[in-house]
Amino acid sequence: MSFVPMGDLVGKAYREGYAVPAFCAWNAEVIEGILRTAARLRAPVILMSGPGEFPVMAPATMAAVARAVKGLYDTPAALHLDHGDSLEMVRQCVDAGYTSVMLDFSTRSFDENVQALRRVVEMARPGGITVEGEIGRIGKADDATAEGGAQSAFTDPVEAARYVRETGVDLLAVSVGNKHGFYRGDPHLEFDLLAALHAAVPVPLVMHGGTGIPEKDIQRSVKLGIAKVNVASELVHGFRTSLSEQWKDGRNLWTPMALGEAAKVLPPVVEKWLRITGAAGKA
């Protein structure tokens, strides 16, 4: 089974009342750990990579590796460009075979954001590729994450409705108190705002910054239109912590063995999120 458009997975989730988690995937062992777990739980899943992961493998190589690993697992999955930072990066991912792309111009003016996403839709739509946009700004909760700016700005429902109408995007990432990275204290989501966005916007909504949001808040958000939840920091932190502990203790200095050990931390995280979002059993 090859990768499918992300809109197919998320659209089904939106209609049936669950969400599909999107996991940061930066190399073959991470990709395999995610897909193996999703296949075991009969769950749809999204592999995402972007500017923070492309220093490891460029889009064309990442897509080729992901397709090779995907061929081993019969579970519905999408390959997504997360937080693309230029039209050229979007083009590279479209050409490489990504089935979903996001251009994040949320820090630009409204008009510049709209004009750029129109071009992305024109680029992606002929190939059946899903397009995600962002309006409002989803900032950083810590200094370690590669995504998000220093400041957040809530998404305005009126502006969001106009943005979707004028761009034609398939999914919309929103800012309702969610942030990238590890939260300092408990996150506070503005559920009234999320409800207003759900009422105003006719497409599935996306929650960036899933790491650290309590299960009850995720499930409440799903009822208010969130159909995709991004998880990155929790995976990266677990992998990094394992490597740091191994090498601090002088164990597994042979790097492939250390990477293999670190990869063992991933499946429990993936399984947790497939269950929290309600995706388990939906494949």
Protein backbone atom coordinates (compact mmCIF):
# COMPACT_ATOMS: atom_id res chain seq x y z
CA MET A 1 0.00 0.00 0.00
CA SER A 2 1.45 3.38 -1.01
CA PHE A 3 1.00 6.69 0.79
CA VAL A 4 -2.43 8.29 0.40
CA PRO A 5 -3.47 11.96 0.45
CA MET A 6 -3.63 13.21 4.02
CA GLY A 7 -7.06 14.66 3.31
CA ASP A 8 -8.44 11.14 2.85
CA LEU A 9 -7.32 10.10 6.33
CA VAL A 10 -8.20 13.33 8.10
CA GLY A 11 -11.50 13.78 6.27
CA LYS A 12 -12.68 10.37 7.46
CA ALA A 13 -11.56 11.19 11.00
CA TYR A 14 -13.39 14.53 10.89
CA ARG A 15 -16.63 12.88 9.79
CA GLU A 16 -16.42 10.02 12.30
CA GLY A 17 -15.26 11.97 15.36
CA TYR A 18 -11.62 11.06 15.96
CA ALA A 19 -8.24 12.52 14.98
CA VAL A 20 -5.19 11.18 13.15
CA PRO A 21 -1.84 11.85 14.85
CA ALA A 22 1.04 13.15 12.75
CA PHE A 23 4.47 12.10 14.02
CA CYS A 24 7.83 13.72 13.36
CA ALA A 25 9.88 11.20 11.35
CA TRP A 26 13.51 11.90 10.50
CA ASN A 27 15.15 8.57 9.55
CA ALA A 28 14.37 4.99 8.58
CA GLU A 29 14.22 3.51 12.07
CA VAL A 30 11.83 6.21 13.26
CA ILE A 31 9.63 5.76 10.18
CA GLU A 32 9.55 2.01 10.74
CA GLY A 33 8.76 2.31 14.44
CA ILE A 34 5.79 4.55 13.68
CA LEU A 35 4.43 2.41 10.83
CA ARG A 36 4.91 -0.88 12.67
CA THR A 37 2.99 0.40 15.67
CA ALA A 38 0.20 1.85 13.51
CA ALA A 39 -0.12 -1.45 11.63
CA ARG A 40 -0.31 -3.41 14.89
CA LEU A 41 -3.08 -1.15 16.17
CA ARG A 42 -4.84 -1.00 12.77
CA ALA A 43 -4.61 2.78 12.77
CA PRO A 44 -4.16 5.46 10.13
CA VAL A 45 -1.07 7.59 10.66
CA ILE A 46 0.79 10.58 9.24
CA LEU A 47 4.58 10.81 8.87
CA MET A 48 5.76 14.41 8.88
CA SER A 49 9.09 16.05 8.15
CA GLY A 50 10.21 19.54 7.30
CA PRO A 51 13.01 22.09 7.75
CA GLY A 52 13.97 20.56 11.10
CA GLU A 53 14.41 17.09 9.59
CA PHE A 54 15.75 17.79 6.11
CA PRO A 55 19.34 18.30 7.36
CA VAL A 56 19.30 14.50 7.88
CA MET A 57 17.80 13.66 4.47
CA ALA A 58 16.63 15.97 1.70
CA PRO A 59 12.96 15.68 0.66
CA ALA A 60 13.64 13.35 -2.29
CA THR A 61 15.71 10.97 -0.16
CA MET A 62 13.28 11.15 2.76
CA ALA A 63 10.37 10.26 0.49
CA ALA A 64 12.26 7.38 -1.14
CA VAL A 65 13.20 5.91 2.24
CA ALA A 66 9.67 6.37 3.58
CA ARG A 67 8.16 4.63 0.54
CA ALA A 68 10.56 1.71 0.88
CA VAL A 69 9.66 1.21 4.54
CA LYS A 70 5.96 1.81 3.90
CA GLY A 71 5.96 -1.12 1.47
CA LEU A 72 6.46 -3.43 4.45
CA TYR A 73 3.36 -2.28 6.34
CA ASP A 74 -0.25 -2.47 5.23
CA THR A 75 -1.73 0.49 7.06
CA PRO A 76 -3.12 3.73 5.62
CA ALA A 77 -0.56 6.51 5.94
CA ALA A 78 0.26 9.93 4.52
CA LEU A 79 3.62 11.62 3.98
CA HIS A 80 3.41 15.27 5.01
CA LEU A 81 5.61 18.35 4.70
CA ASP A 82 5.29 20.12 8.05
CA HIS A 83 6.01 23.84 8.38
CA GLY A 84 7.46 24.25 4.92
CA ASP A 85 9.20 27.62 4.83
CA SER A 86 9.33 28.38 1.10
CA LEU A 87 7.51 27.67 -2.14
CA GLU A 88 10.68 25.96 -3.36
CA MET A 89 10.56 23.51 -0.45
CA VAL A 90 6.92 22.79 -1.26
CA ARG A 91 7.87 22.16 -4.88
CA GLN A 92 10.62 19.76 -3.84
CA CYS A 93 8.19 17.78 -1.69
CA VAL A 94 5.52 17.71 -4.39
CA ASP A 95 8.09 16.42 -6.87
CA ALA A 96 9.38 13.87 -4.33
CA GLY A 97 5.94 12.31 -3.86
CA TYR A 98 4.73 13.78 -0.58
CA THR A 99 0.96 13.36 -0.31
CA SER A 100 0.43 16.48 1.79
CA VAL A 101 2.19 19.82 2.11
CA MET A 102 2.07 22.75 4.51
CA LEU A 103 3.52 26.17 3.78
CA ASP A 104 3.70 28.10 7.05
CA PHE A 105 3.46 31.81 6.28
CA SER A 106 1.61 32.54 9.52
CA THR A 107 4.15 35.21 10.52
CA ARG A 108 3.62 37.08 7.24
CA SER A 109 0.82 39.50 6.47
CA PHE A 110 -2.63 38.08 5.83
CA ASP A 111 -2.47 38.97 2.13
CA GLU A 112 1.00 37.45 1.66
CA ASN A 113 -0.11 34.28 3.46
CA VAL A 114 -3.20 34.00 1.26
CA GLN A 115 -1.35 34.63 -2.00
CA ALA A 116 1.35 32.06 -1.18
CA LEU A 117 -1.13 29.37 -0.18
CA ARG A 118 -3.13 29.92 -3.35
CA ARG A 119 0.02 29.09 -5.26
CA VAL A 120 0.55 25.98 -3.13
CA VAL A 121 -3.00 24.82 -3.83
CA GLU A 122 -2.47 25.39 -7.56
CA MET A 123 0.76 23.38 -7.36
CA ALA A 124 -0.64 20.52 -5.29
CA ARG A 125 -4.24 20.09 -6.40
CA PRO A 126 -3.54 18.51 -9.83
CA GLY A 127 -1.71 15.64 -8.09
CA GLY A 128 -4.38 15.13 -5.45
CA ILE A 129 -2.01 16.41 -2.76
CA THR A 130 -3.55 17.77 0.45
CA VAL A 131 -2.71 21.35 1.50
CA GLU A 132 -2.54 22.60 5.09
CA GLY A 133 -2.34 26.29 5.97
CA GLU A 134 -2.01 28.20 9.23
CA ILE A 135 -3.63 31.42 10.34
CA GLY A 136 -2.85 33.03 13.66
CA ARG A 137 0.57 32.18 15.10
CA ILE A 138 1.46 29.04 17.06
CA GLY A 139 4.50 29.94 19.13
CA LYS A 140 7.08 28.00 21.12
CA ALA A 141 6.62 26.66 24.64
CA ASP A 142 10.39 26.12 25.04
CA ASP A 143 13.69 27.01 23.40
CA ALA A 144 14.54 23.53 22.12
CA THR A 145 11.88 23.08 19.46
CA ALA A 146 12.68 23.92 15.85
CA GLU A 147 9.20 25.20 15.01
CA GLY A 148 7.13 28.23 15.95
CA GLY A 149 8.04 31.80 16.76
CA ALA A 150 8.70 33.52 20.05
CA GLN A 151 5.14 34.89 20.22
CA SER A 152 1.72 33.34 19.72
CA ALA A 153 -1.39 35.01 18.35
CA PHE A 154 -4.85 33.49 18.59
CA THR A 155 -6.65 32.59 15.38
CA ASP A 156 -9.56 34.91 14.60
CA PRO A 157 -12.67 33.02 13.37
CA VAL A 158 -13.69 35.69 10.84
CA GLU A 159 -10.17 35.87 9.45
CA ALA A 160 -9.90 32.07 9.42
CA ALA A 161 -13.12 31.70 7.40
CA ARG A 162 -11.91 34.27 4.88
CA TYR A 163 -8.50 32.58 4.68
CA VAL A 164 -9.97 29.17 3.88
CA ARG A 165 -12.36 30.69 1.35
CA GLU A 166 -9.65 32.66 -0.45
CA THR A 167 -6.92 29.99 -0.44
CA GLY A 168 -8.83 26.73 -0.89
CA VAL A 169 -6.71 24.91 1.72
CA ASP A 170 -7.93 21.47 2.83
CA LEU A 171 -6.91 21.73 6.50
CA LEU A 172 -6.33 24.65 8.82
CA ALA A 173 -3.84 24.79 11.70
CA VAL A 174 -5.17 27.03 14.47
CA SER A 175 -3.78 28.78 17.53
CA VAL A 176 -6.00 28.42 20.60
CA GLY A 177 -3.37 28.25 23.36
CA ASN A 178 -1.43 25.32 21.90
CA LYS A 179 2.32 25.75 21.43
CA HIS A 180 5.25 23.81 20.01
CA GLY A 181 7.55 22.06 22.48
CA PHE A 182 7.18 21.28 26.19
CA TYR A 183 4.75 23.48 28.08
CA ARG A 184 5.80 25.28 31.23
CA GLY A 185 2.97 24.22 33.49
CA ASP A 186 -0.37 23.01 32.22
CA PRO A 187 -1.42 24.34 28.81
CA HIS A 188 -4.61 26.39 28.71
CA LEU A 189 -6.68 25.88 25.60
CA GLU A 190 -9.40 28.37 24.68
CA PHE A 191 -12.25 25.97 23.97
CA ASP A 192 -14.80 28.72 23.29
CA LEU A 193 -12.50 30.05 20.57
CA LEU A 194 -12.01 26.56 19.17
CA ALA A 195 -15.79 26.09 19.06
CA ALA A 196 -16.15 29.40 17.20
CA LEU A 197 -13.49 28.36 14.70
CA HIS A 198 -15.20 25.00 14.18
CA ALA A 199 -18.46 26.80 13.43
CA ALA A 200 -16.83 29.31 11.09
CA VAL A 201 -14.46 27.09 9.12
CA PRO A 202 -15.75 24.32 6.80
CA VAL A 203 -12.56 22.20 6.85
CA PRO A 204 -10.88 19.97 9.48
CA LEU A 205 -8.76 21.80 12.05
CA VAL A 206 -5.21 20.89 13.08
CA MET A 207 -3.70 20.99 16.57
CA HIS A 208 0.04 21.67 16.48
CA GLY A 209 1.94 21.21 19.73
CA GLY A 210 0.21 18.04 20.92
CA THR A 211 3.02 17.06 23.30
CA GLY A 212 1.96 17.80 26.86
CA ILE A 213 -1.72 18.50 26.23
CA PRO A 214 -3.80 16.32 28.60
CA GLU A 215 -5.81 13.48 27.11
CA LYS A 216 -9.13 14.99 28.20
CA ASP A 217 -8.28 18.24 26.42
CA ILE A 218 -7.30 16.42 23.24
CA GLN A 219 -10.57 14.51 23.26
CA ARG A 220 -12.57 17.67 23.93
CA SER A 221 -10.74 19.35 21.06
CA VAL A 222 -11.61 16.49 18.71
CA LYS A 223 -15.29 17.14 19.42
CA LEU A 224 -14.70 20.76 18.36
CA GLY A 225 -13.24 20.02 14.94
CA ILE A 226 -9.63 18.98 15.55
CA ALA A 227 -8.98 16.01 13.24
CA LYS A 228 -5.16 16.01 13.12
CA VAL A 229 -2.80 16.29 16.11
CA ASN A 230 0.93 16.88 15.62
CA VAL A 231 3.39 15.11 17.94
CA ALA A 232 7.10 15.87 17.62
CA SER A 233 8.80 17.00 20.83
CA GLU A 234 7.84 13.88 22.77
CA LEU A 235 9.45 11.62 20.17
CA VAL A 236 12.58 13.74 19.75
CA HIS A 237 13.05 14.12 23.50
CA GLY A 238 12.72 10.39 24.13
CA PHE A 239 15.17 9.51 21.38
CA ARG A 240 17.67 12.16 22.49
CA THR A 241 17.43 11.17 26.16
CA SER A 242 18.12 7.54 25.34
CA LEU A 243 21.23 8.42 23.33
CA SER A 244 22.48 10.81 26.02
CA GLU A 245 22.08 8.22 28.77
CA GLN A 246 23.72 5.46 26.74
CA TRP A 247 26.74 7.53 25.82
CA LYS A 248 27.08 9.12 29.26
CA ASP A 249 27.37 5.62 30.72
CA GLY A 250 29.84 4.56 28.03
CA ARG A 251 27.38 2.05 26.58
CA ASN A 252 26.68 1.37 22.92
CA LEU A 253 29.45 3.57 21.58
CA TRP A 254 28.94 1.73 18.33
CA THR A 255 26.40 4.19 16.93
CA PRO A 256 24.09 1.73 15.10
CA MET A 257 23.56 -0.16 18.36
CA ALA A 258 22.78 3.09 20.18
CA LEU A 259 20.28 4.12 17.50
CA GLY A 260 18.60 0.73 17.74
CA GLU A 261 18.27 1.08 21.49
CA ALA A 262 16.93 4.64 21.20
CA ALA A 263 14.31 3.55 18.67
CA LYS A 264 12.72 1.34 21.36
CA VAL A 265 11.34 4.42 23.12
CA LEU A 266 9.20 5.37 20.10
CA PRO A 267 6.46 2.67 19.90
CA PRO A 268 4.99 3.39 23.37
CA VAL A 269 4.67 7.08 22.50
CA VAL A 270 3.10 6.31 19.13
CA GLU A 271 0.67 3.83 20.68
CA LYS A 272 -0.34 6.31 23.39
CA TRP A 273 -1.25 8.95 20.82
CA LEU A 274 -3.04 6.56 18.49
CA ARG A 275 -5.25 5.62 21.41
CA ILE A 276 -5.73 9.16 22.81
CA THR A 277 -6.86 10.51 19.43
CA GLY A 278 -9.18 7.57 18.82
CA ALA A 279 -7.31 6.48 15.67
CA ALA A 280 -6.57 2.95 16.92
CA GLY A 281 -8.76 0.43 15.16
CA LYS A 282 -9.87 2.88 12.47
CA ALA A 283 -7.74 1.54 9.59
